[in-house]
């Protein structure tokens, strides 16, 4: 792979880099990329919509047997885990709502106590 220097910056051909990296080097590169917000957004677009916002997509060869592309497999995995995620999300929202209601009730109680003291 060739690296060039343009305007004081090292420039790499990322497609070539991905094509030549292997083993642990590739694994570290992919894990690092997987944590980049833009990459996560584009993969989520493919999982949910089938395309990135600019019209890119991976292969589209899935079938019901569980084979297919990694995107197909990820879609299936998400679908199978959706109930668990939804349940956990709903429970977390219910806990947050209960805490907010308790804080609100406590605040109103303090308000009324203070208002009663002032009005005496």
C-alpha atoms as a PDB file:
ATOM      1  CA  UNK A   1       0.000   0.000   0.000  1.00  0.00           C
ATOM      2  CA  UNK A   2       1.217   3.457  -0.842  1.00  0.00           C
ATOM      3  CA  UNK A   3       0.990   6.460   1.452  1.00  0.00           C
ATOM      4  CA  UNK A   4       1.378   9.976   0.100  1.00  0.00           C
ATOM      5  CA  UNK A   5       1.844  13.298   1.809  1.00  0.00           C
ATOM      6  CA  UNK A   6      -0.551  16.060   0.781  1.00  0.00           C
ATOM      7  CA  UNK A   7      -0.615  19.442   2.497  1.00  0.00           C
ATOM      8  CA  UNK A   8       1.473  18.046   5.346  1.00  0.00           C
ATOM      9  CA  UNK A   9      -0.884  15.110   5.961  1.00  0.00           C
ATOM     10  CA  UNK A  10      -0.352  11.401   5.338  1.00  0.00           C
ATOM     11  CA  UNK A  11      -2.986  10.187   2.880  1.00  0.00           C
ATOM     12  CA  UNK A  12      -3.932   6.506   2.614  1.00  0.00           C
ATOM     13  CA  UNK A  13      -6.194   4.686   0.202  1.00  0.00           C
ATOM     14  CA  UNK A  14      -8.658   3.252   2.721  1.00  0.00           C
ATOM     15  CA  UNK A  15     -10.029   0.651   0.319  1.00  0.00           C
ATOM     16  CA  UNK A  16      -6.511  -0.597  -0.288  1.00  0.00           C
ATOM     17  CA  UNK A  17      -5.798  -0.516   3.448  1.00  0.00           C
ATOM     18  CA  UNK A  18      -8.843  -2.682   4.204  1.00  0.00           C
ATOM     19  CA  UNK A  19      -7.962  -5.041   1.355  1.00  0.00           C
ATOM     20  CA  UNK A  20      -4.415  -5.574   2.558  1.00  0.00           C
ATOM     21  CA  UNK A  21      -4.911  -5.684   6.324  1.00  0.00           C
ATOM     22  CA  UNK A  22      -5.289  -9.138   7.801  1.00  0.00           C
ATOM     23  CA  UNK A  23      -5.373 -11.006  11.078  1.00  0.00           C
ATOM     24  CA  UNK A  24      -5.081  -9.005  14.289  1.00  0.00           C
ATOM     25  CA  UNK A  25      -4.247  -5.816  12.350  1.00  0.00           C
ATOM     26  CA  UNK A  26      -7.555  -6.034  10.449  1.00  0.00           C
ATOM     27  CA  UNK A  27      -9.472  -6.910  13.624  1.00  0.00           C
ATOM     28  CA  UNK A  28      -8.121  -3.832  15.448  1.00  0.00           C
ATOM     29  CA  UNK A  29      -8.846  -1.592  12.464  1.00  0.00           C
ATOM     30  CA  UNK A  30     -12.418  -2.865  12.136  1.00  0.00           C
ATOM     31  CA  UNK A  31     -13.084  -2.558  15.874  1.00  0.00           C
ATOM     32  CA  UNK A  32     -11.770   1.002  15.841  1.00  0.00           C
ATOM     33  CA  UNK A  33     -13.939   1.890  12.842  1.00  0.00           C
ATOM     34  CA  UNK A  34     -16.979   0.246  14.482  1.00  0.00           C
ATOM     35  CA  UNK A  35     -16.808   2.878  17.232  1.00  0.00           C
ATOM     36  CA  UNK A  36     -16.941   5.821  14.822  1.00  0.00           C
ATOM     37  CA  UNK A  37     -20.291   7.627  14.968  1.00  0.00           C
ATOM     38  CA  UNK A  38     -20.573   8.086  11.190  1.00  0.00           C
ATOM     39  CA  UNK A  39     -19.926   4.410  10.553  1.00  0.00           C
ATOM     40  CA  UNK A  40     -22.476   3.351  13.160  1.00  0.00           C
ATOM     41  CA  UNK A  41     -25.054   5.706  11.618  1.00  0.00           C
ATOM     42  CA  UNK A  42     -24.488   4.318   8.114  1.00  0.00           C
ATOM     43  CA  UNK A  43     -24.691   0.708   9.291  1.00  0.00           C
ATOM     44  CA  UNK A  44     -27.879   1.504  11.238  1.00  0.00           C
ATOM     45  CA  UNK A  45     -29.312   3.073   8.061  1.00  0.00           C
ATOM     46  CA  UNK A  46     -28.586  -0.159   6.182  1.00  0.00           C
ATOM     47  CA  UNK A  47     -30.092  -2.283   8.935  1.00  0.00           C
ATOM     48  CA  UNK A  48     -33.274  -0.240   9.192  1.00  0.00           C
ATOM     49  CA  UNK A  49     -33.716   1.183   5.689  1.00  0.00           C
ATOM     50  CA  UNK A  50     -31.597  -1.088   3.507  1.00  0.00           C
ATOM     51  CA  UNK A  51     -29.400   1.799   2.295  1.00  0.00           C
ATOM     52  CA  UNK A  52     -27.121   4.502   3.634  1.00  0.00           C
ATOM     53  CA  UNK A  53     -28.342   8.081   3.226  1.00  0.00           C
ATOM     54  CA  UNK A  54     -26.289   8.355   0.024  1.00  0.00           C
ATOM     55  CA  UNK A  55     -27.665   5.119  -1.468  1.00  0.00           C
ATOM     56  CA  UNK A  56     -24.874   2.684  -0.606  1.00  0.00           C
ATOM     57  CA  UNK A  57     -25.653  -0.827   0.596  1.00  0.00           C
ATOM     58  CA  UNK A  58     -24.040  -4.180   1.151  1.00  0.00           C
ATOM     59  CA  UNK A  59     -25.233  -7.355  -0.499  1.00  0.00           C
ATOM     60  CA  UNK A  60     -28.928  -8.215  -0.531  1.00  0.00           C
ATOM     61  CA  UNK A  61     -29.075 -11.981  -0.744  1.00  0.00           C
ATOM     62  CA  UNK A  62     -30.776 -13.048   2.485  1.00  0.00           C
ATOM     63  CA  UNK A  63     -33.249 -15.864   2.840  1.00  0.00           C
ATOM     64  CA  UNK A  64     -35.259 -17.427   5.642  1.00  0.00           C
ATOM     65  CA  UNK A  65     -32.742 -20.209   6.232  1.00  0.00           C
ATOM     66  CA  UNK A  66     -30.419 -17.949   8.208  1.00  0.00           C
ATOM     67  CA  UNK A  67     -27.825 -17.608   5.492  1.00  0.00           C
ATOM     68  CA  UNK A  68     -27.185 -14.370   3.675  1.00  0.00           C
ATOM     69  CA  UNK A  69     -24.952 -11.365   4.074  1.00  0.00           C
ATOM     70  CA  UNK A  70     -23.692 -10.059   7.418  1.00  0.00           C
ATOM     71  CA  UNK A  71     -26.263  -7.233   7.146  1.00  0.00           C
ATOM     72  CA  UNK A  72     -29.030  -9.829   6.619  1.00  0.00           C
ATOM     73  CA  UNK A  73     -27.800 -11.785   9.630  1.00  0.00           C
ATOM     74  CA  UNK A  74     -27.630  -8.628  11.756  1.00  0.00           C
ATOM     75  CA  UNK A  75     -31.201  -7.706  10.733  1.00  0.00           C
ATOM     76  CA  UNK A  76     -32.388 -11.156  11.768  1.00  0.00           C
ATOM     77  CA  UNK A  77     -30.488 -10.940  15.055  1.00  0.00           C
ATOM     78  CA  UNK A  78     -32.037  -7.547  15.809  1.00  0.00           C
ATOM     79  CA  UNK A  79     -35.507  -8.801  14.939  1.00  0.00           C
ATOM     80  CA  UNK A  80     -35.113 -11.816  17.228  1.00  0.00           C
ATOM     81  CA  UNK A  81     -33.846  -9.636  20.086  1.00  0.00           C
ATOM     82  CA  UNK A  82     -36.339  -6.799  19.595  1.00  0.00           C
ATOM     83  CA  UNK A  83     -38.776  -8.046  22.242  1.00  0.00           C
ATOM     84  CA  UNK A  84     -36.048  -8.170  24.880  1.00  0.00           C
ATOM     85  CA  UNK A  85     -34.743  -4.722  23.959  1.00  0.00           C
ATOM     86  CA  UNK A  86     -38.252  -3.250  23.878  1.00  0.00           C
ATOM     87  CA  UNK A  87     -39.079  -4.762  27.279  1.00  0.00           C
ATOM     88  CA  UNK A  88     -35.847  -3.443  28.830  1.00  0.00           C
ATOM     89  CA  UNK A  89     -36.424  -0.006  27.309  1.00  0.00           C
ATOM     90  CA  UNK A  90     -40.014   0.159  28.549  1.00  0.00           C
ATOM     91  CA  UNK A  91     -38.937  -0.915  32.045  1.00  0.00           C
ATOM     92  CA  UNK A  92     -36.192   1.723  32.115  1.00  0.00           C
ATOM     93  CA  UNK A  93     -38.660   4.400  31.003  1.00  0.00           C
ATOM     94  CA  UNK A  94     -41.155   3.285  33.653  1.00  0.00           C
ATOM     95  CA  UNK A  95     -38.454   3.545  36.360  1.00  0.00           C
ATOM     96  CA  UNK A  96     -37.466   7.014  35.120  1.00  0.00           C
ATOM     97  CA  UNK A  97     -41.124   8.124  35.100  1.00  0.00           C
ATOM     98  CA  UNK A  98     -41.658   6.814  38.639  1.00  0.00           C
ATOM     99  CA  UNK A  99     -38.572   8.688  39.856  1.00  0.00           C
ATOM    100  CA  UNK A 100     -39.743  11.888  38.144  1.00  0.00           C
ATOM    101  CA  UNK A 101     -43.207  11.527  39.687  1.00  0.00           C
ATOM    102  CA  UNK A 102     -41.674  10.983  43.143  1.00  0.00           C
ATOM    103  CA  UNK A 103     -39.465  14.069  42.763  1.00  0.00           C
ATOM    104  CA  UNK A 104     -42.454  16.079  41.586  1.00  0.00           C
ATOM    105  CA  UNK A 105     -44.611  14.927  44.517  1.00  0.00           C
ATOM    106  CA  UNK A 106     -41.782  15.720  46.924  1.00  0.00           C
ATOM    107  CA  UNK A 107     -41.389  19.171  45.396  1.00  0.00           C
ATOM    108  CA  UNK A 108     -45.123  19.906  45.646  1.00  0.00           C
ATOM    109  CA  UNK A 109     -45.129  18.698  49.239  1.00  0.00           C
ATOM    110  CA  UNK A 110     -42.292  21.088  50.116  1.00  0.00           C
ATOM    111  CA  UNK A 111     -44.054  23.884  48.244  1.00  0.00           C
ATOM    112  CA  UNK A 112     -47.325  23.384  50.153  1.00  0.00           C
ATOM    113  CA  UNK A 113     -45.492  23.132  53.494  1.00  0.00           C
ATOM    114  CA  UNK A 114     -43.650  26.384  52.786  1.00  0.00           C
ATOM    115  CA  UNK A 115     -46.826  28.083  51.512  1.00  0.00           C
ATOM    116  CA  UNK A 116     -48.665  27.077  54.720  1.00  0.00           C
ATOM    117  CA  UNK A 117     -45.855  28.483  56.874  1.00  0.00           C
ATOM    118  CA  UNK A 118     -45.827  31.774  54.934  1.00  0.00           C
ATOM    119  CA  UNK A 119     -49.619  32.178  55.038  1.00  0.00           C
ATOM    120  CA  UNK A 120     -49.859  31.754  58.864  1.00  0.00           C
END
